[in-house]
Protein backbone atom coordinates (compact mmCIF):
# COMPACT_ATOMS: atom_id res chain seq x y z
CA MET A 1 157.42 -5.23 -14.38
CA THR A 2 156.19 -7.27 -11.44
CA SER A 3 154.12 -10.38 -11.84
CA GLU A 4 151.42 -9.16 -9.40
CA LYS A 5 148.01 -8.90 -10.87
CA VAL A 6 146.42 -5.46 -10.46
CA THR A 7 142.66 -5.56 -9.97
CA ARG A 8 140.78 -2.70 -11.54
CA MET A 9 137.24 -1.57 -10.80
CA GLU A 10 136.13 -2.23 -14.38
CA ASP A 11 137.45 -5.81 -14.29
CA ILE A 12 135.47 -6.59 -11.15
CA LEU A 13 132.26 -4.97 -12.40
CA ASN A 14 132.46 -6.54 -15.86
CA ALA A 15 133.31 -10.02 -14.64
CA ALA A 16 130.16 -12.16 -14.56
CA PRO A 17 129.96 -14.03 -11.26
CA VAL A 18 129.75 -17.78 -11.69
CA GLN A 19 127.16 -19.17 -9.27
CA ASN A 20 127.19 -22.76 -8.18
CA LYS A 21 123.68 -24.05 -7.52
CA ASP A 22 124.93 -26.62 -5.00
CA THR A 23 126.37 -24.15 -2.46
CA PRO A 24 124.60 -20.77 -2.47
CA GLU A 25 126.08 -19.66 0.87
CA SER A 26 129.64 -20.24 -0.30
CA SER A 27 129.07 -17.89 -3.23
CA THR A 28 127.81 -15.15 -0.92
CA ASN A 29 130.92 -15.59 1.23
CA ALA A 30 133.06 -15.35 -1.88
CA GLU A 31 131.24 -12.15 -2.87
CA LYS A 32 131.83 -10.69 0.57
CA ARG A 33 135.53 -11.52 0.37
CA GLU A 34 135.67 -10.03 -3.12
CA ARG A 35 133.99 -6.81 -1.92
CA GLN A 36 136.51 -6.54 0.92
CA ARG A 37 139.38 -6.73 -1.54
CA ILE A 38 138.04 -3.85 -3.66
CA PRO A 39 140.17 -0.78 -3.07
CA ARG A 40 138.20 2.21 -1.88
CA GLY A 41 138.09 5.25 -4.06
CA LYS A 42 138.59 8.79 -2.90
CA PRO A 43 135.66 9.82 -0.65
CA LYS A 44 133.48 12.75 -1.66
CA SER A 45 134.31 14.63 1.53
CA GLY A 46 138.00 14.44 0.71
CA ARG A 47 138.86 12.88 4.04
CA ILE A 48 140.99 10.04 2.77
CA TRP A 49 142.35 9.19 6.21
CA LYS A 50 138.92 8.15 7.48
CA GLU A 51 138.30 4.42 7.45
CA GLU A 52 135.07 2.68 6.69
CA LYS A 53 133.04 2.01 9.84
CA THR A 54 132.51 -1.56 10.93
CA LYS A 55 129.20 -2.74 12.34
CA PHE A 56 128.86 -3.71 15.99
CA SER A 57 127.80 -7.20 14.98
CA SER A 58 131.21 -7.77 13.41
CA ILE A 59 133.05 -7.04 16.65
CA ILE A 60 134.42 -10.20 18.25
CA LYS A 61 133.53 -10.34 21.92
CA THR A 62 135.49 -12.28 24.50
CA ARG A 63 133.80 -13.77 27.53
CA GLY A 64 136.72 -13.05 29.83
CA ILE A 65 138.43 -15.31 32.30
CA ARG A 66 136.18 -17.95 33.86
CA LEU A 67 136.66 -18.46 37.58
CA SER A 68 136.21 -21.77 39.31
CA PHE A 69 133.33 -22.27 41.74
CA ASP A 70 135.66 -22.30 44.77
CA LYS A 71 137.23 -18.99 43.78
CA LYS A 72 133.79 -17.46 43.20
CA GLN A 73 132.66 -18.64 46.64
CA LYS A 74 135.81 -17.19 48.24
CA LEU A 75 135.27 -13.87 46.45
CA ARG A 76 131.63 -13.76 47.62
CA GLU A 77 132.64 -14.48 51.21
CA ASP A 78 135.36 -11.81 51.09
CA LEU A 79 132.88 -9.31 49.69
CA LYS A 80 130.34 -10.17 52.39
CA ARG A 81 132.97 -9.78 55.11
CA VAL A 82 134.10 -6.41 53.71
CA LYS A 83 130.50 -5.16 53.49
CA GLU A 84 129.80 -6.29 57.06
CA MET A 85 132.92 -4.52 58.34
CA SER A 86 131.94 -1.39 56.42
CA ARG A 87 128.43 -1.53 57.89
CA ALA A 88 129.85 -1.94 61.42
CA ILE A 89 132.20 1.03 60.98
CA LYS A 90 129.36 3.21 59.67
CA ALA A 91 127.09 2.16 62.56
CA ARG A 92 129.82 2.94 65.10
CA LYS A 93 130.44 6.39 63.56
CA GLN A 94 126.69 7.10 63.55
CA ALA A 95 126.40 6.09 67.21
CA GLU A 96 129.34 8.35 68.14
CA LYS A 97 127.72 11.22 66.23
CA GLU A 98 124.39 10.69 68.01
CA ALA A 99 126.13 10.54 71.42
CA LYS A 100 127.93 13.80 70.64
CA LYS A 101 124.66 15.47 69.62
CA GLU A 102 122.92 14.25 72.79
CA ARG A 103 125.79 15.48 75.00
CA ARG A 104 125.66 18.88 73.29
CA ARG A 105 121.87 19.11 73.83
CA GLU A 106 122.31 18.25 77.53
CA ASN A 107 125.10 20.82 77.93
CA LEU A 108 122.99 23.52 76.27
CA LYS A 109 120.01 22.65 78.46
CA ARG A 110 122.16 22.74 81.62
CA ALA A 111 123.69 26.08 80.57
CA GLU A 112 120.21 27.53 80.01
CA GLU A 113 119.04 26.33 83.43
CA ASN A 114 122.14 27.80 85.08
CA ARG A 115 121.59 31.11 83.30
CA LYS A 116 117.98 31.23 84.50
CA LYS A 117 119.03 30.41 88.07
CA SER A 118 121.66 33.14 88.15
CA GLU A 119 119.33 35.87 86.84
CA ILE A 120 118.70 38.82 89.07
CA VAL A 121 114.95 39.37 89.17
CA GLN A 122 113.22 42.50 90.38
CA VAL A 123 109.46 42.29 90.56
CA ILE A 124 107.60 45.44 89.51
CA LYS A 125 104.55 45.66 91.75
CA ASN A 126 103.50 49.18 90.81
CA THR A 127 102.37 48.97 87.16
CA ALA A 128 102.23 52.75 86.89
CA LYS A 129 106.03 52.74 86.89
CA ILE A 130 105.99 50.94 83.52
CA LYS A 131 103.99 53.81 82.00
CA ARG A 132 106.52 56.35 83.27
CA MET A 133 109.56 54.43 81.94
CA LYS A 134 111.51 55.56 78.93
CA LYS A 135 111.78 53.46 75.75
CA LYS A 136 115.29 52.18 76.55
CA GLN A 137 114.17 50.97 79.97
CA LEU A 138 111.10 49.29 78.46
CA ARG A 139 113.32 47.38 76.08
CA MET A 140 115.32 46.03 79.00
CA ILE A 141 112.22 44.63 80.73
CA GLU A 142 111.51 40.93 80.21
CA LYS A 143 108.53 39.00 81.50
CA ARG A 144 109.21 35.95 83.64
CA ASP A 145 107.18 33.35 85.45
CA THR A 146 108.33 33.62 89.05
CA THR A 147 106.07 30.93 90.51
CA ASN A 148 108.57 28.07 90.07
CA MET A 149 111.64 30.01 91.31
């Protein structure tokens, strides 16, 4: 038989805690440590592999690596330079896009003017002809302003 002492639930519950009036917080710490040592029983759900959840307040947080002031300044300057370069590239692309749009508008306008210039126009002076025309011929007719030609 081993010399290890086995703690049973009954022993812990039956043992009367001895409280020292001088240090009340040390007794609470001792109680907490004692509760942590109590082996858990089988859970009601039967999921024995599940562990007891810990509170977020018990999680130890690290503050991370602290950078020196010079390194922070250098990082800020680098970031500013990168942002400025990014802004310049975006502005250049936007300007190119606008120039392309403007060139396309001008080309379309010029093409429309050329199309109008090259049209063959026949002025119908006798309006009675329009009444005698068939539907297909009427569809072909388009009205134009011939004053500025």
